[in-house]
Protein backbone atom coordinates (compact mmCIF):
# COMPACT_ATOMS: atom_id res chain seq x y z
CA MET A 1 0.00 0.00 0.00
CA GLY A 2 1.71 3.17 -1.17
CA LYS A 3 1.70 6.47 0.63
CA SER A 4 -0.10 8.17 -2.23
CA SER A 5 -3.13 5.95 -1.75
CA LEU A 6 -4.14 7.62 1.51
CA ARG A 7 -5.13 11.16 2.27
CA ILE A 8 -3.14 12.24 5.31
CA ALA A 9 -5.12 14.50 7.62
CA ALA A 10 -5.69 14.94 11.32
CA LEU A 11 -8.65 12.67 11.92
CA ALA A 12 -9.11 12.28 15.63
CA CYS A 13 -12.22 11.95 17.76
CA LEU A 14 -15.79 12.53 16.79
CA ALA A 15 -15.77 16.18 15.75
CA ALA A 16 -12.87 15.73 13.38
CA ALA A 17 -14.56 12.72 11.87
CA SER A 18 -17.70 14.64 11.09
CA ALA A 19 -15.83 17.71 9.91
CA ILE A 20 -13.50 15.90 7.51
CA PRO A 21 -15.46 13.17 5.69
CA ILE A 22 -13.50 10.45 3.96
CA SER A 23 -14.09 9.51 0.36
CA ILE A 24 -12.46 7.01 -1.93
CA ALA A 25 -11.58 9.77 -4.36
CA ALA A 26 -9.83 11.74 -1.62
CA GLN A 27 -7.68 8.79 -0.68
CA GLN A 28 -6.65 7.68 -4.11
CA SER A 29 -6.55 10.27 -6.87
CA THR A 30 -5.45 7.80 -9.55
CA PRO A 31 -6.60 4.35 -8.45
CA ALA A 32 -4.70 1.51 -10.06
CA LYS A 33 -7.73 -0.74 -9.82
CA PRO A 34 -11.43 -0.48 -9.01
CA LEU A 35 -12.68 -0.68 -5.47
CA MET A 36 -12.99 -4.34 -4.49
CA LEU A 37 -15.98 -5.63 -2.56
CA ILE A 38 -14.45 -7.99 0.00
CA THR A 39 -15.11 -9.52 3.37
CA TRP A 40 -12.76 -8.60 6.21
CA PHE A 41 -12.13 -12.24 7.12
CA GLY A 42 -11.66 -14.35 4.01
CA PRO A 43 -10.65 -14.57 0.34
CA GLY A 44 -12.59 -13.40 -2.68
CA GLY A 45 -13.41 -10.08 -4.24
CA ILE A 46 -15.73 -8.40 -6.73
CA PRO A 47 -14.42 -5.39 -8.69
CA LEU A 48 -17.10 -2.72 -8.43
CA PRO A 49 -18.22 -0.53 -11.37
CA ASP A 50 -16.18 2.61 -11.80
CA SER A 51 -18.00 3.83 -14.88
CA ASN A 52 -20.00 7.04 -14.89
CA ASN A 53 -22.86 5.00 -16.35
CA TRP A 54 -23.52 3.44 -12.94
CA LYS A 55 -24.41 5.58 -9.93
CA ALA A 56 -23.49 4.21 -6.50
CA GLU A 57 -26.57 4.00 -4.27
CA LEU A 58 -25.67 1.76 -1.35
CA LEU A 59 -22.64 0.30 0.38
CA THR A 60 -23.21 -1.61 3.60
CA VAL A 61 -22.65 -4.96 5.28
CA TYR A 62 -25.48 -7.36 6.12
CA ASP A 63 -25.76 -10.32 8.49
CA LYS A 64 -23.81 -8.99 11.47
CA GLY A 65 -21.05 -7.57 9.34
CA THR A 66 -20.38 -10.68 7.25
CA ARG A 67 -21.99 -9.91 3.86
CA PRO A 68 -20.82 -6.70 2.18
CA VAL A 69 -23.20 -5.43 -0.50
CA ALA A 70 -22.93 -2.64 -3.05
CA GLN A 71 -25.80 -1.36 -5.17
CA PHE A 72 -25.76 0.83 -8.29
CA SER A 73 -28.37 2.28 -10.62
CA GLN A 74 -28.35 3.32 -14.26
CA ALA A 75 -30.66 6.21 -15.08
CA ALA A 76 -30.64 5.74 -18.83
CA THR A 77 -31.85 2.13 -18.70
CA ARG A 78 -33.60 2.26 -15.30
CA ARG A 79 -31.70 -0.82 -14.23
CA THR A 80 -30.41 -1.61 -10.76
CA VAL A 81 -27.48 -3.91 -10.03
CA SER A 82 -26.16 -5.17 -6.73
CA PHE A 83 -23.16 -7.26 -5.72
CA ILE A 84 -22.60 -9.39 -2.63
CA VAL A 85 -19.62 -11.46 -1.53
CA PHE A 86 -20.08 -13.91 1.34
CA GLU A 87 -18.73 -17.05 2.95
CA ASN A 88 -20.04 -20.27 1.43
CA LEU A 89 -21.92 -21.96 4.26
CA SER A 90 -24.23 -23.96 2.01
CA GLY A 91 -22.30 -27.20 2.36
CA THR A 92 -21.97 -27.37 -1.42
CA PRO A 93 -18.66 -25.97 -2.75
CA THR A 94 -20.11 -24.73 -6.03
CA ALA A 95 -21.96 -21.83 -7.59
CA GLN A 96 -25.13 -23.90 -7.29
CA GLY A 97 -24.69 -24.08 -3.52
CA CYS A 98 -24.29 -20.32 -3.38
CA ARG A 99 -27.41 -19.89 -5.47
CA GLN A 100 -29.45 -22.06 -3.15
CA ASP A 101 -28.21 -20.16 -0.11
CA ALA A 102 -29.25 -16.82 -1.62
CA ILE A 103 -32.39 -17.62 -3.62
CA ASP A 104 -34.23 -19.89 -1.17
CA PRO A 105 -34.78 -17.09 1.40
CA ILE A 106 -36.01 -14.75 -1.34
CA VAL A 107 -38.53 -17.32 -2.57
CA LYS A 108 -39.64 -17.96 1.01
CA ASN A 109 -40.28 -14.26 1.62
CA GLU A 110 -41.62 -13.19 -1.76
CA GLY A 111 -42.77 -16.43 -3.35
CA LYS A 112 -46.32 -15.20 -4.02
CA LEU A 113 -44.96 -12.33 -6.09
CA ILE A 114 -42.53 -14.43 -8.13
CA SER A 115 -43.41 -16.04 -11.44
CA GLY A 116 -41.53 -17.67 -14.28
CA ARG A 117 -38.57 -18.76 -12.19
CA VAL A 118 -35.84 -20.46 -14.22
CA ASP A 119 -32.59 -21.83 -12.80
CA GLY A 120 -29.75 -22.35 -15.24
CA GLU A 121 -26.13 -21.68 -16.10
CA MET A 122 -24.27 -19.29 -18.35
CA LYS A 123 -20.69 -18.40 -19.22
CA ASN A 124 -19.30 -15.04 -18.29
CA SER A 125 -16.94 -13.16 -20.59
CA ALA A 126 -13.95 -14.91 -18.98
CA GLY A 127 -15.39 -18.35 -19.80
CA ASP A 128 -16.32 -19.19 -16.21
CA THR A 129 -19.65 -20.89 -15.51
CA LEU A 130 -22.14 -18.97 -13.41
CA ALA A 131 -25.23 -20.47 -11.79
CA THR A 132 -28.20 -18.26 -12.65
CA THR A 133 -31.77 -17.65 -11.56
CA SER A 134 -34.29 -15.49 -13.40
CA TYR A 135 -37.83 -14.60 -12.48
CA VAL A 136 -40.42 -11.83 -12.76
CA LEU A 137 -41.51 -9.96 -9.65
CA ASP A 138 -45.11 -8.73 -9.57
CA LEU A 139 -45.14 -5.19 -8.13
CA SER A 140 -48.56 -4.21 -9.45
CA LYS A 141 -49.96 -3.69 -5.93
CA GLU A 142 -47.36 -0.96 -5.49
CA GLY A 143 -48.37 0.65 -8.77
CA LEU A 144 -45.16 -0.51 -10.45
CA PRO A 145 -44.59 -2.65 -13.53
CA HIS A 146 -43.61 -6.28 -13.42
CA GLN A 147 -39.89 -6.44 -12.75
CA PRO A 148 -37.56 -8.93 -14.49
CA ASN A 149 -34.70 -10.11 -12.26
CA LEU A 150 -31.56 -12.03 -13.09
CA PHE A 151 -29.02 -13.40 -10.62
CA GLY A 152 -25.59 -14.81 -11.34
CA PHE A 153 -23.49 -16.75 -8.84
CA ALA A 154 -19.92 -17.94 -8.67
CA GLY A 155 -18.69 -20.09 -5.82
CA ASN A 156 -16.14 -22.48 -4.41
CA ALA A 157 -15.68 -24.18 -1.05
CA LYS A 158 -14.95 -20.92 0.78
CA THR A 159 -16.53 -18.00 -1.06
CA CYS A 160 -19.68 -16.99 -2.90
CA ALA A 161 -20.06 -14.00 -5.20
CA GLU A 162 -23.41 -12.71 -6.44
CA ILE A 163 -24.67 -10.25 -9.01
CA HIS A 164 -28.35 -9.30 -9.12
CA ILE A 165 -29.68 -7.06 -11.84
CA SER A 166 -33.27 -5.92 -12.29
CA SER A 167 -35.22 -3.66 -14.61
CA VAL A 168 -38.59 -1.97 -14.89
CA VAL A 169 -38.88 -3.00 -18.54
CA ASN A 170 -40.30 -6.50 -19.01
CA ILE A 171 -39.73 -7.38 -22.66
CA PRO A 172 -37.56 -10.11 -24.25
CA ALA A 173 -34.99 -7.62 -25.49
CA GLU A 174 -34.51 -6.29 -21.95
CA GLN A 175 -33.99 -9.79 -20.59
CA ASP A 176 -31.26 -10.28 -23.19
CA ALA A 177 -29.69 -7.02 -22.03
CA LEU A 178 -29.70 -8.26 -18.42
CA LYS A 179 -27.93 -11.43 -19.55
CA ALA A 180 -25.30 -9.35 -21.27
CA GLU A 181 -24.69 -7.44 -18.03
CA VAL A 182 -24.34 -10.66 -16.03
CA ALA A 183 -21.90 -11.99 -18.64
CA GLY A 184 -19.57 -9.19 -17.58
CA PHE A 185 -19.58 -10.41 -13.96
CA LYS A 186 -16.05 -11.65 -13.23
CA PRO A 187 -15.44 -12.08 -9.50
CA ASP A 188 -12.14 -13.44 -8.23
CA LEU A 189 -13.02 -16.08 -5.65
CA ASN A 190 -9.37 -16.57 -4.68
CA TYR A 191 -8.53 -12.89 -4.35
CA GLN A 192 -6.40 -12.18 -1.29
CA PRO A 193 -7.15 -8.60 -0.17
CA GLY A 194 -4.27 -6.38 0.85
CA ALA A 195 -4.05 -3.59 3.38
CA ASP A 196 -5.09 -1.02 0.78
CA ASP A 197 -8.18 -3.03 -0.20
CA TYR A 198 -9.35 -3.19 3.39
CA PHE A 199 -8.61 0.49 4.01
CA ARG A 200 -10.43 1.72 0.90
CA LEU A 201 -13.58 -0.26 1.64
CA ALA A 202 -13.46 0.69 5.33
CA SER A 203 -13.22 4.36 4.43
CA ALA A 204 -16.20 4.10 2.09
CA LEU A 205 -18.24 2.35 4.81
CA PHE A 206 -17.11 4.82 7.48
CA GLU A 207 -19.15 7.68 6.05
CA GLY A 208 -22.46 5.93 6.65
CA ALA A 209 -21.74 3.33 9.33
CA PRO A 210 -18.50 3.69 11.32
CA GLY A 211 -19.11 0.45 13.20
CA LEU A 212 -19.19 -1.56 9.97
CA ALA A 213 -15.85 -0.05 8.98
CA ALA A 214 -14.05 -1.14 12.16
CA PRO A 215 -13.23 -4.77 11.22
CA TYR A 216 -11.96 -3.61 7.83
CA TYR A 217 -9.63 -1.06 9.43
CA LYS A 218 -8.47 -3.81 11.79
CA SER A 219 -7.77 -6.12 8.83
CA SER A 220 -5.90 -3.31 7.08
CA LEU A 221 -3.65 -2.93 10.12
CA ASP A 222 -3.11 -6.68 10.36
CA ALA A 223 -2.16 -6.85 6.67
CA LEU A 224 0.44 -4.07 6.88
CA PRO A 225 4.01 -5.40 6.95
CA ASP A 226 5.82 -4.57 10.19
CA ASP A 227 8.17 -2.10 8.54
CA SER A 228 9.09 1.44 9.54
CA ARG A 229 8.22 2.58 6.01
CA ASN A 230 4.59 1.77 6.83
CA THR A 231 4.53 3.84 10.01
CA PRO A 232 2.47 6.70 8.48
CA LEU A 233 -0.06 4.25 7.08
CA ARG A 234 -0.26 2.35 10.36
CA ARG A 235 -0.88 5.59 12.25
CA ILE A 236 -3.70 6.64 9.92
CA ALA A 237 -5.39 3.24 9.95
CA THR A 238 -5.09 3.07 13.74
CA ASP A 239 -6.65 6.51 14.09
CA GLN A 240 -9.53 5.50 11.83
CA LEU A 241 -10.06 2.26 13.76
CA VAL A 242 -10.17 4.12 17.08
CA MET A 243 -12.72 6.56 15.65
CA SER A 244 -14.90 3.91 14.05
CA LEU A 245 -15.10 1.99 17.32
CA GLY A 246 -15.71 5.10 19.38
CA MET A 247 -18.38 6.48 17.08
CA SER A 248 -20.22 3.15 17.18
CA GLY A 249 -20.27 3.28 21.00
CA ASP A 250 -17.55 0.72 21.66
CA LEU A 251 -15.42 2.90 23.93
CA LYS A 252 -13.76 -0.07 25.60
CA ASP A 253 -12.26 -1.45 22.40
CA SER A 254 -11.58 2.05 21.10
CA ARG A 255 -9.54 2.78 24.22
CA GLY A 256 -7.80 -0.58 23.96
CA VAL A 257 -6.64 0.12 20.41
CA ALA A 258 -5.34 3.56 21.40
CA GLU A 259 -3.48 2.18 24.41
CA LYS A 260 -1.90 -0.54 22.30
CA ALA A 261 -0.88 2.08 19.74
CA ILE A 262 0.80 4.18 22.44
CA ALA A 263 2.78 1.17 23.63
CA ALA A 264 3.99 0.49 20.10
CA ASP A 265 4.34 4.12 18.93
CA PRO A 266 4.74 6.40 21.99
CA ASP A 267 5.78 9.48 20.00
CA TYR A 268 2.65 9.93 17.92
CA PRO A 269 0.38 12.61 19.44
CA LEU A 270 -2.99 11.53 18.08
CA ASN A 271 -2.82 8.25 19.99
CA TYR A 272 -2.93 10.29 23.22
CA TYR A 273 -5.54 12.65 21.80
CA ASN A 274 -7.81 9.71 21.07
CA LEU A 275 -7.48 8.55 24.68
CA ALA A 276 -8.43 12.04 25.83
CA CYS A 277 -11.57 11.80 23.71
CA ALA A 278 -12.46 8.47 25.30
CA ASP A 279 -11.87 10.00 28.74
CA ALA A 280 -14.14 12.92 27.90
CA GLU A 281 -16.87 10.62 26.63
CA GLU A 282 -16.74 8.91 30.03
CA GLY A 283 -16.73 12.20 31.95
CA ASN A 284 -13.17 11.77 33.24
CA ALA A 285 -11.66 15.28 33.18
CA THR A 286 -8.51 14.31 35.10
CA ASP A 287 -7.38 11.67 32.60
CA ALA A 288 -8.56 13.75 29.65
CA LYS A 289 -6.30 16.60 30.79
CA THR A 290 -3.35 14.24 31.21
CA HIS A 291 -3.76 12.71 27.77
CA LEU A 292 -4.33 16.06 26.08
CA GLN A 293 -1.14 17.37 27.64
CA GLN A 294 0.75 14.29 26.46
CA ALA A 295 -0.69 14.76 22.97
CA PHE A 296 0.27 18.43 22.68
CA ASP A 297 3.72 17.78 24.16
CA ARG A 298 4.29 15.61 21.07
CA ARG A 299 2.57 17.86 18.53
CA ALA A 300 5.79 18.23 16.54
CA ASN A 301 5.47 14.55 15.60
CA VAL A 302 2.31 14.81 13.51
CA LEU A 303 2.57 13.40 10.02
CA LYS A 304 3.38 15.63 7.10
CA GLY A 305 0.13 17.30 6.07
CA GLU A 306 -1.46 16.82 9.49
CA SER A 307 -2.20 19.37 12.17
CA MET A 308 -3.34 18.89 15.71
CA PRO A 309 -7.12 18.98 16.17
CA ASP A 310 -8.63 21.86 18.10
CA PRO A 311 -10.02 20.24 21.27
CA ALA A 312 -12.20 23.30 21.94
CA LYS A 313 -14.22 22.37 18.84
CA ASP A 314 -14.26 18.62 19.41
CA ASP A 315 -17.64 17.03 20.19
CA SER A 316 -16.08 14.65 22.71
CA ILE A 317 -13.99 17.21 24.57
CA LEU A 318 -16.91 19.65 24.61
CA LYS A 319 -18.74 17.27 26.92
CA LEU A 320 -16.45 18.48 29.70
CA ARG A 321 -16.93 22.16 29.00
CA LYS A 322 -18.81 22.77 32.26
CA ASN A 323 -15.67 21.80 34.18
CA LYS A 324 -14.19 25.30 34.44
CA ALA A 325 -10.67 24.24 35.38
CA PHE A 326 -10.51 21.68 32.62
CA TRP A 327 -11.92 24.07 30.03
CA ALA A 328 -9.42 26.77 30.98
CA PHE A 329 -6.70 24.19 30.36
CA VAL A 330 -8.19 23.32 26.96
CA LEU A 331 -8.34 26.97 25.88
CA ALA A 332 -4.70 27.47 26.88
CA LEU A 333 -3.43 24.65 24.65
CA PRO A 334 -1.37 25.69 21.61
CA LYS A 335 -3.32 26.27 18.41
CA GLY A 336 -2.36 24.81 15.05
């Protein structure tokens, strides 16, 4: 993971997180590859669309953080496509097992609205065989047209990858167009994500759901080689992990990560600043003062392009504003 792939900025505590949103474009101005949809715990990846023809609508993780999903829409054709990568727990190490795992719950929940279901196979543009399911969904009670749906699945013993594309146009030519889209589905079931893959997806998730980003930031840290050249990247990923845990309400683990970071990297100021934020969230002015002082004593060690956060504008630190002695200390800290 190269230094140019990350935007370096002071991102500590809750106020800084909300004030400086993270975007994929900000981290990587010239991406060498598309964003990969991956799990944080296993192999496999789906390259996501990076064309202007598809508008990103949703990025989240279902099933207790185990099934990442991305959804896109295409205004010109009124089509919607989604991608999911998940662990193969079907007991069948094939695309057919993955299909059964995904389609059976849909049929159970929406079976009365489904007609014309056909299970089959097709080759994608790389020559790989996908298991497919097509059907028409009756949405007339919602005042909508019948909706053709087409799923494609790839799978092995460990990983499943799914594409689902639907349309509001139910004619034979449109169904052929959906097949052409699925033919372009080329997941890599054996893909081994790297630190950059985890970080990019975590940062995209962070904007909408910090808690879902946490395991991806953790995996990014775990994947970084233990090399001094990676120190800036490790600091940034650690800071993001502390924030994602803290913003999701997990102050215990957030504090634990910060304390571990201090033990490994005692010169970096934001590790102490993050502890001060955790202290403030818990109403502990004494420890917050200590950790803020330790942070600002080391302010010369921020990364290039970083600056120390202003604790007087930080949502966490502001929770102790009624403590006059503490607040006087905060206002006296160096600026910039």
